[in-house]
Amino acid sequence: MPEDPRDPRDEPVGEPSRRRKRAYFVMMGTCLLLIVLAWNVVRFWSVPAAVVMSVVAAVIPPAAAVVANWGRGG
């Protein structure tokens, strides 16, 4: 029986899947975008909104790390 080349069990244990990598980079890109928009655009209209955007951006990196490491053996 031929083996499936996309079998996730064939990945090295230390290497996250392509889907998790993409999710991590999307989350971190969103984090950077929130910070840049908050302190270069939004703060001119509403400082509290910029602070809320920054708080949301501060929560994203730990969540992104959890997503990137989800389901890894070890």
PDB file of N, CA and C in Angstrom:
ATOM      1  N   MET A   1       0.849  -1.177   0.000  1.00  0.00           N
ATOM      2  CA  MET A   1       0.000   0.000   0.000  1.00  0.00           C
ATOM      3  C   MET A   1       0.895   1.239   0.000  1.00  0.00           C
ATOM      4  N   PRO A   2       0.721   2.184  -0.929  1.00  0.00           N
ATOM      5  CA  PRO A   2       1.559   3.389  -0.974  1.00  0.00           C
ATOM      6  C   PRO A   2       1.245   4.309   0.203  1.00  0.00           C
ATOM      7  N   GLU A   3       2.288   4.959   0.667  1.00  0.00           N
ATOM      8  CA  GLU A   3       2.132   5.874   1.795  1.00  0.00           C
ATOM      9  C   GLU A   3       1.671   7.239   1.302  1.00  0.00           C
ATOM     10  N   ASP A   4       0.877   7.908   2.132  1.00  0.00           N
ATOM     11  CA  ASP A   4       0.396   9.253   1.811  1.00  0.00           C
ATOM     12  C   ASP A   4       1.510  10.241   2.130  1.00  0.00           C
ATOM     13  N   PRO A   5       2.013  11.023   1.148  1.00  0.00           N
ATOM     14  CA  PRO A   5       3.111  11.964   1.415  1.00  0.00           C
ATOM     15  C   PRO A   5       2.685  13.118   2.325  1.00  0.00           C
ATOM     16  N   ARG A   6       1.380  13.325   2.503  1.00  0.00           N
ATOM     17  CA  ARG A   6       0.901  14.409   3.356  1.00  0.00           C
ATOM     18  C   ARG A   6       0.574  13.927   4.766  1.00  0.00           C
ATOM     19  N   ASP A   7       0.978  12.734   5.112  1.00  0.00           N
ATOM     20  CA  ASP A   7       0.683  12.176   6.428  1.00  0.00           C
ATOM     21  C   ASP A   7       1.364  13.005   7.510  1.00  0.00           C
ATOM     22  N   PRO A   8       0.590  13.611   8.447  1.00  0.00           N
ATOM     23  CA  PRO A   8       1.198  14.468   9.471  1.00  0.00           C
ATOM     24  C   PRO A   8       2.129  13.713  10.415  1.00  0.00           C
ATOM     25  N   ARG A   9       1.992  12.393  10.466  1.00  0.00           N
ATOM     26  CA  ARG A   9       2.888  11.623  11.336  1.00  0.00           C
ATOM     27  C   ARG A   9       4.312  11.551  10.790  1.00  0.00           C
ATOM     28  N   ASP A  10       4.482  11.900   9.515  1.00  0.00           N
ATOM     29  CA  ASP A  10       5.807  11.875   8.909  1.00  0.00           C
ATOM     30  C   ASP A  10       6.609  13.130   9.206  1.00  0.00           C
ATOM     31  N   GLU A  11       5.956  14.167   9.787  1.00  0.00           N
ATOM     32  CA  GLU A  11       6.671  15.403  10.119  1.00  0.00           C
ATOM     33  C   GLU A  11       7.575  15.179  11.319  1.00  0.00           C
ATOM     34  N   PRO A  12       8.695  15.887  11.355  1.00  0.00           N
ATOM     35  CA  PRO A  12       9.527  15.809  12.543  1.00  0.00           C
ATOM     36  C   PRO A  12       8.758  16.323  13.760  1.00  0.00           C
ATOM     37  N   VAL A  13       9.056  15.782  14.930  1.00  0.00           N
ATOM     38  CA  VAL A  13       8.330  16.143  16.140  1.00  0.00           C
ATOM     39  C   VAL A  13       8.467  17.624  16.444  1.00  0.00           C
ATOM     40  N   GLY A  14       9.614  18.225  16.209  1.00  0.00           N
ATOM     41  CA  GLY A  14       9.830  19.619  16.542  1.00  0.00           C
ATOM     42  C   GLY A  14       9.310  20.603  15.512  1.00  0.00           C
ATOM     43  N   GLU A  15       8.758  20.120  14.416  1.00  0.00           N
ATOM     44  CA  GLU A  15       8.338  21.006  13.327  1.00  0.00           C
ATOM     45  C   GLU A  15       6.814  21.152  13.317  1.00  0.00           C
ATOM     46  N   PRO A  16       6.309  22.400  13.504  1.00  0.00           N
ATOM     47  CA  PRO A  16       4.847  22.589  13.452  1.00  0.00           C
ATOM     48  C   PRO A  16       4.315  22.410  12.036  1.00  0.00           C
ATOM     49  N   SER A  17       3.050  22.032  11.938  1.00  0.00           N
ATOM     50  CA  SER A  17       2.453  21.819  10.620  1.00  0.00           C
ATOM     51  C   SER A  17       2.342  23.139   9.863  1.00  0.00           C
ATOM     52  N   ARG A  18       2.146  23.031   8.579  1.00  0.00           N
ATOM     53  CA  ARG A  18       2.032  24.215   7.720  1.00  0.00           C
ATOM     54  C   ARG A  18       0.815  25.057   8.124  1.00  0.00           C
ATOM     55  N   ARG A  19      -0.270  24.400   8.481  1.00  0.00           N
ATOM     56  CA  ARG A  19      -1.487  25.110   8.886  1.00  0.00           C
ATOM     57  C   ARG A  19      -1.264  25.891  10.180  1.00  0.00           C
ATOM     58  N   ARG A  20      -0.584  25.265  11.140  1.00  0.00           N
ATOM     59  CA  ARG A  20      -0.310  25.965  12.399  1.00  0.00           C
ATOM     60  C   ARG A  20       0.667  27.107  12.189  1.00  0.00           C
ATOM     61  N   LYS A  21       1.641  26.943  11.308  1.00  0.00           N
ATOM     62  CA  LYS A  21       2.571  28.035  10.997  1.00  0.00           C
ATOM     63  C   LYS A  21       1.821  29.213  10.395  1.00  0.00           C
ATOM     64  N   ARG A  22       0.924  28.918   9.461  1.00  0.00           N
ATOM     65  CA  ARG A  22       0.158  29.979   8.815  1.00  0.00           C
ATOM     66  C   ARG A  22      -0.711  30.705   9.841  1.00  0.00           C
ATOM     67  N   ALA A  23      -1.360  29.953  10.721  1.00  0.00           N
ATOM     68  CA  ALA A  23      -2.201  30.558  11.757  1.00  0.00           C
ATOM     69  C   ALA A  23      -1.357  31.446  12.674  1.00  0.00           C
ATOM     70  N   TYR A  24      -0.151  30.975  13.029  1.00  0.00           N
ATOM     71  CA  TYR A  24       0.740  31.761  13.881  1.00  0.00           C
ATOM     72  C   TYR A  24       1.116  33.082  13.213  1.00  0.00           C
ATOM     73  N   PHE A  25       1.507  33.037  11.952  1.00  0.00           N
ATOM     74  CA  PHE A  25       1.925  34.249  11.262  1.00  0.00           C
ATOM     75  C   PHE A  25       0.758  35.202  11.024  1.00  0.00           C
ATOM     76  N   VAL A  26      -0.430  34.679  10.784  1.00  0.00           N
ATOM     77  CA  VAL A  26      -1.604  35.544  10.636  1.00  0.00           C
ATOM     78  C   VAL A  26      -1.897  36.242  11.959  1.00  0.00           C
ATOM     79  N   MET A  27      -1.834  35.501  13.057  1.00  0.00           N
ATOM     80  CA  MET A  27      -2.095  36.101  14.370  1.00  0.00           C
ATOM     81  C   MET A  27      -1.049  37.157  14.717  1.00  0.00           C
ATOM     82  N   MET A  28       0.214  36.878  14.446  1.00  0.00           N
ATOM     83  CA  MET A  28       1.261  37.848  14.765  1.00  0.00           C
ATOM     84  C   MET A  28       1.184  39.060  13.835  1.00  0.00           C
ATOM     85  N   GLY A  29       0.815  38.854  12.591  1.00  0.00           N
ATOM     86  CA  GLY A  29       0.622  39.976  11.678  1.00  0.00           C
ATOM     87  C   GLY A  29      -0.527  40.861  12.139  1.00  0.00           C
ATOM     88  N   THR A  30      -1.594  40.238  12.629  1.00  0.00           N
ATOM     89  CA  THR A  30      -2.714  40.995  13.178  1.00  0.00           C
ATOM     90  C   THR A  30      -2.270  41.798  14.389  1.00  0.00           C
ATOM     91  N   CYS A  31      -1.442  41.199  15.223  1.00  0.00           N
ATOM     92  CA  CYS A  31      -0.919  41.890  16.403  1.00  0.00           C
ATOM     93  C   CYS A  31      -0.140  43.145  15.994  1.00  0.00           C
ATOM     94  N   LEU A  32       0.755  42.995  15.060  1.00  0.00           N
ATOM     95  CA  LEU A  32       1.543  44.140  14.594  1.00  0.00           C
ATOM     96  C   LEU A  32       0.660  45.204  13.954  1.00  0.00           C
ATOM     97  N   LEU A  33      -0.301  44.778  13.164  1.00  0.00           N
ATOM     98  CA  LEU A  33      -1.200  45.720  12.517  1.00  0.00           C
ATOM     99  C   LEU A  33      -2.012  46.506  13.551  1.00  0.00           C
ATOM    100  N   LEU A  34      -2.500  45.828  14.576  1.00  0.00           N
ATOM    101  CA  LEU A  34      -3.252  46.511  15.631  1.00  0.00           C
ATOM    102  C   LEU A  34      -2.406  47.572  16.326  1.00  0.00           C
ATOM    103  N   ILE A  35      -1.171  47.221  16.649  1.00  0.00           N
ATOM    104  CA  ILE A  35      -0.308  48.177  17.351  1.00  0.00           C
ATOM    105  C   ILE A  35       0.006  49.380  16.458  1.00  0.00           C
ATOM    106  N   VAL A  36       0.362  49.114  15.210  1.00  0.00           N
ATOM    107  CA  VAL A  36       0.699  50.216  14.302  1.00  0.00           C
ATOM    108  C   VAL A  36      -0.511  51.123  14.078  1.00  0.00           C
ATOM    109  N   LEU A  37      -1.677  50.527  13.836  1.00  0.00           N
ATOM    110  CA  LEU A  37      -2.870  51.343  13.633  1.00  0.00           C
ATOM    111  C   LEU A  37      -3.267  52.101  14.891  1.00  0.00           C
ATOM    112  N   ALA A  38      -3.160  51.437  16.036  1.00  0.00           N
ATOM    113  CA  ALA A  38      -3.569  52.070  17.293  1.00  0.00           C
ATOM    114  C   ALA A  38      -2.764  53.328  17.577  1.00  0.00           C
ATOM    115  N   TRP A  39      -1.456  53.257  17.421  1.00  0.00           N
ATOM    116  CA  TRP A  39      -0.624  54.379  17.857  1.00  0.00           C
ATOM    117  C   TRP A  39      -0.195  55.311  16.737  1.00  0.00           C
ATOM    118  N   ASN A  40      -0.570  55.013  15.496  1.00  0.00           N
ATOM    119  CA  ASN A  40      -0.268  55.935  14.404  1.00  0.00           C
ATOM    120  C   ASN A  40      -1.512  56.526  13.755  1.00  0.00           C
ATOM    121  N   VAL A  41      -2.679  55.930  14.007  1.00  0.00           N
ATOM    122  CA  VAL A  41      -3.905  56.417  13.383  1.00  0.00           C
ATOM    123  C   VAL A  41      -4.996  56.667  14.416  1.00  0.00           C
ATOM    124  N   VAL A  42      -5.373  55.631  15.151  1.00  0.00           N
ATOM    125  CA  VAL A  42      -6.541  55.685  16.023  1.00  0.00           C
ATOM    126  C   VAL A  42      -6.351  56.660  17.183  1.00  0.00           C
ATOM    127  N   ARG A  43      -5.164  56.807  17.697  1.00  0.00           N
ATOM    128  CA  ARG A  43      -4.951  57.673  18.859  1.00  0.00           C
ATOM    129  C   ARG A  43      -5.313  59.124  18.604  1.00  0.00           C
ATOM    130  N   PHE A  44      -5.332  59.558  17.348  1.00  0.00           N
ATOM    131  CA  PHE A  44      -5.715  60.925  17.036  1.00  0.00           C
ATOM    132  C   PHE A  44      -7.209  61.166  17.270  1.00  0.00           C
ATOM    133  N   TRP A  45      -8.011  60.105  17.163  1.00  0.00           N
ATOM    134  CA  TRP A  45      -9.446  60.234  17.376  1.00  0.00           C
ATOM    135  C   TRP A  45      -9.869  59.759  18.748  1.00  0.00           C
ATOM    136  N   SER A  46      -9.226  58.700  19.263  1.00  0.00           N
ATOM    137  CA  SER A  46      -9.661  58.144  20.545  1.00  0.00           C
ATOM    138  C   SER A  46      -8.509  57.388  21.204  1.00  0.00           C
ATOM    139  N   VAL A  47      -7.971  57.990  22.252  1.00  0.00           N
ATOM    140  CA  VAL A  47      -6.897  57.323  22.989  1.00  0.00           C
ATOM    141  C   VAL A  47      -7.410  56.059  23.687  1.00  0.00           C
ATOM    142  N   PRO A  48      -8.606  56.067  24.309  1.00  0.00           N
ATOM    143  CA  PRO A  48      -9.089  54.814  24.908  1.00  0.00           C
ATOM    144  C   PRO A  48      -9.220  53.666  23.897  1.00  0.00           C
ATOM    145  N   ALA A  49      -9.663  53.977  22.684  1.00  0.00           N
ATOM    146  CA  ALA A  49      -9.750  52.930  21.655  1.00  0.00           C
ATOM    147  C   ALA A  49      -8.362  52.397  21.302  1.00  0.00           C
ATOM    148  N   ALA A  50      -7.373  53.278  21.245  1.00  0.00           N
ATOM    149  CA  ALA A  50      -6.001  52.846  20.961  1.00  0.00           C
ATOM    150  C   ALA A  50      -5.469  51.957  22.081  1.00  0.00           C
ATOM    151  N   VAL A  51      -5.821  52.290  23.317  1.00  0.00           N
ATOM    152  CA  VAL A  51      -5.382  51.464  24.455  1.00  0.00           C
ATOM    153  C   VAL A  51      -6.049  50.088  24.393  1.00  0.00           C
ATOM    154  N   VAL A  52      -7.340  50.046  24.076  1.00  0.00           N
ATOM    155  CA  VAL A  52      -8.041  48.761  23.959  1.00  0.00           C
ATOM    156  C   VAL A  52      -7.421  47.927  22.837  1.00  0.00           C
ATOM    157  N   MET A  53      -7.110  48.556  21.718  1.00  0.00           N
ATOM    158  CA  MET A  53      -6.465  47.833  20.619  1.00  0.00           C
ATOM    159  C   MET A  53      -5.114  47.277  21.062  1.00  0.00           C
ATOM    160  N   SER A  54      -4.377  48.031  21.863  1.00  0.00           N
ATOM    161  CA  SER A  54      -3.078  47.574  22.352  1.00  0.00           C
ATOM    162  C   SER A  54      -3.226  46.407  23.318  1.00  0.00           C
ATOM    163  N   VAL A  55      -4.259  46.446  24.154  1.00  0.00           N
ATOM    164  CA  VAL A  55      -4.502  45.338  25.093  1.00  0.00           C
ATOM    165  C   VAL A  55      -4.846  44.067  24.318  1.00  0.00           C
ATOM    166  N   VAL A  56      -5.676  44.198  23.295  1.00  0.00           N
ATOM    167  CA  VAL A  56      -5.997  43.037  22.459  1.00  0.00           C
ATOM    168  C   VAL A  56      -4.730  42.517  21.780  1.00  0.00           C
ATOM    169  N   ALA A  57      -3.899  43.430  21.289  1.00  0.00           N
ATOM    170  CA  ALA A  57      -2.646  43.034  20.637  1.00  0.00           C
ATOM    171  C   ALA A  57      -1.701  42.350  21.620  1.00  0.00           C
ATOM    172  N   ALA A  58      -1.754  42.726  22.894  1.00  0.00           N
ATOM    173  CA  ALA A  58      -0.885  42.111  23.896  1.00  0.00           C
ATOM    174  C   ALA A  58      -1.304  40.682  24.219  1.00  0.00           C
ATOM    175  N   VAL A  59      -2.577  40.356  24.011  1.00  0.00           N
ATOM    176  CA  VAL A  59      -3.077  39.003  24.299  1.00  0.00           C
ATOM    177  C   VAL A  59      -2.781  38.043  23.153  1.00  0.00           C
ATOM    178  N   ILE A  60      -2.600  38.559  21.966  1.00  0.00           N
ATOM    179  CA  ILE A  60      -2.433  37.705  20.783  1.00  0.00           C
ATOM    180  C   ILE A  60      -1.150  36.864  20.803  1.00  0.00           C
ATOM    181  N   PRO A  61       0.045  37.399  21.165  1.00  0.00           N
ATOM    182  CA  PRO A  61       1.251  36.554  21.095  1.00  0.00           C
ATOM    183  C   PRO A  61       1.210  35.276  21.937  1.00  0.00           C
ATOM    184  N   PRO A  62       0.730  35.312  23.201  1.00  0.00           N
ATOM    185  CA  PRO A  62       0.636  34.032  23.913  1.00  0.00           C
ATOM    186  C   PRO A  62      -0.351  33.067  23.259  1.00  0.00           C
ATOM    187  N   ALA A  63      -1.459  33.597  22.757  1.00  0.00           N
ATOM    188  CA  ALA A  63      -2.428  32.729  22.074  1.00  0.00           C
ATOM    189  C   ALA A  63      -1.818  32.145  20.798  1.00  0.00           C
ATOM    190  N   ALA A  64      -1.036  32.937  20.086  1.00  0.00           N
ATOM    191  CA  ALA A  64      -0.382  32.449  18.868  1.00  0.00           C
ATOM    192  C   ALA A  64       0.623  31.342  19.191  1.00  0.00           C
ATOM    193  N   ALA A  65       1.322  31.479  20.305  1.00  0.00           N
ATOM    194  CA  ALA A  65       2.273  30.437  20.704  1.00  0.00           C
ATOM    195  C   ALA A  65       1.538  29.136  21.040  1.00  0.00           C
ATOM    196  N   VAL A  66       0.384  29.250  21.686  1.00  0.00           N
ATOM    197  CA  VAL A  66      -0.411  28.053  21.994  1.00  0.00           C
ATOM    198  C   VAL A  66      -0.878  27.393  20.707  1.00  0.00           C
ATOM    199  N   VAL A  67      -1.363  28.190  19.768  1.00  0.00           N
ATOM    200  CA  VAL A  67      -1.823  27.650  18.493  1.00  0.00           C
ATOM    201  C   VAL A  67      -0.679  26.964  17.745  1.00  0.00           C
ATOM    202  N   ALA A  68       0.498  27.577  17.735  1.00  0.00           N
ATOM    203  CA  ALA A  68       1.640  27.013  17.006  1.00  0.00           C
ATOM    204  C   ALA A  68       2.113  25.698  17.624  1.00  0.00           C
ATOM    205  N   ASN A  69       1.908  25.526  18.919  1.00  0.00           N
ATOM    206  CA  ASN A  69       2.389  24.319  19.594  1.00  0.00           C
ATOM    207  C   ASN A  69       1.284  23.310  19.889  1.00  0.00           C
ATOM    208  N   TRP A  70       0.074  23.575  19.457  1.00  0.00           N
ATOM    209  CA  TRP A  70      -1.055  22.706  19.754  1.00  0.00           C
ATOM    210  C   TRP A  70      -0.879  21.319  19.123  1.00  0.00           C
ATOM    211  N   GLY A  71      -1.072  20.295  19.915  1.00  0.00           N
ATOM    212  CA  GLY A  71      -1.053  18.940  19.386  1.00  0.00           C
ATOM    213  C   GLY A  71       0.317  18.357  19.131  1.00  0.00           C
ATOM    214  N   ARG A  72       1.365  19.003  19.568  1.00  0.00           N
ATOM    215  CA  ARG A  72       2.711  18.451  19.363  1.00  0.00           C
ATOM    216  C   ARG A  72       3.012  17.431  20.454  1.00  0.00           C
ATOM    217  N   GLY A  73       3.676  16.389  20.055  1.00  0.00           N
ATOM    218  CA  GLY A  73       4.070  15.378  21.024  1.00  0.00           C
ATOM    219  C   GLY A  73       5.230  15.858  21.855  1.00  0.00           C
ATOM    220  N   GLY A  74       5.428  15.208  22.980  1.00  0.00           N
ATOM    221  CA  GLY A  74       6.591  15.610  23.737  1.00  0.00           C
ATOM    222  C   GLY A  74       6.499  15.486  25.157  1.00  0.00           C
TER     223      GLY A  74
END
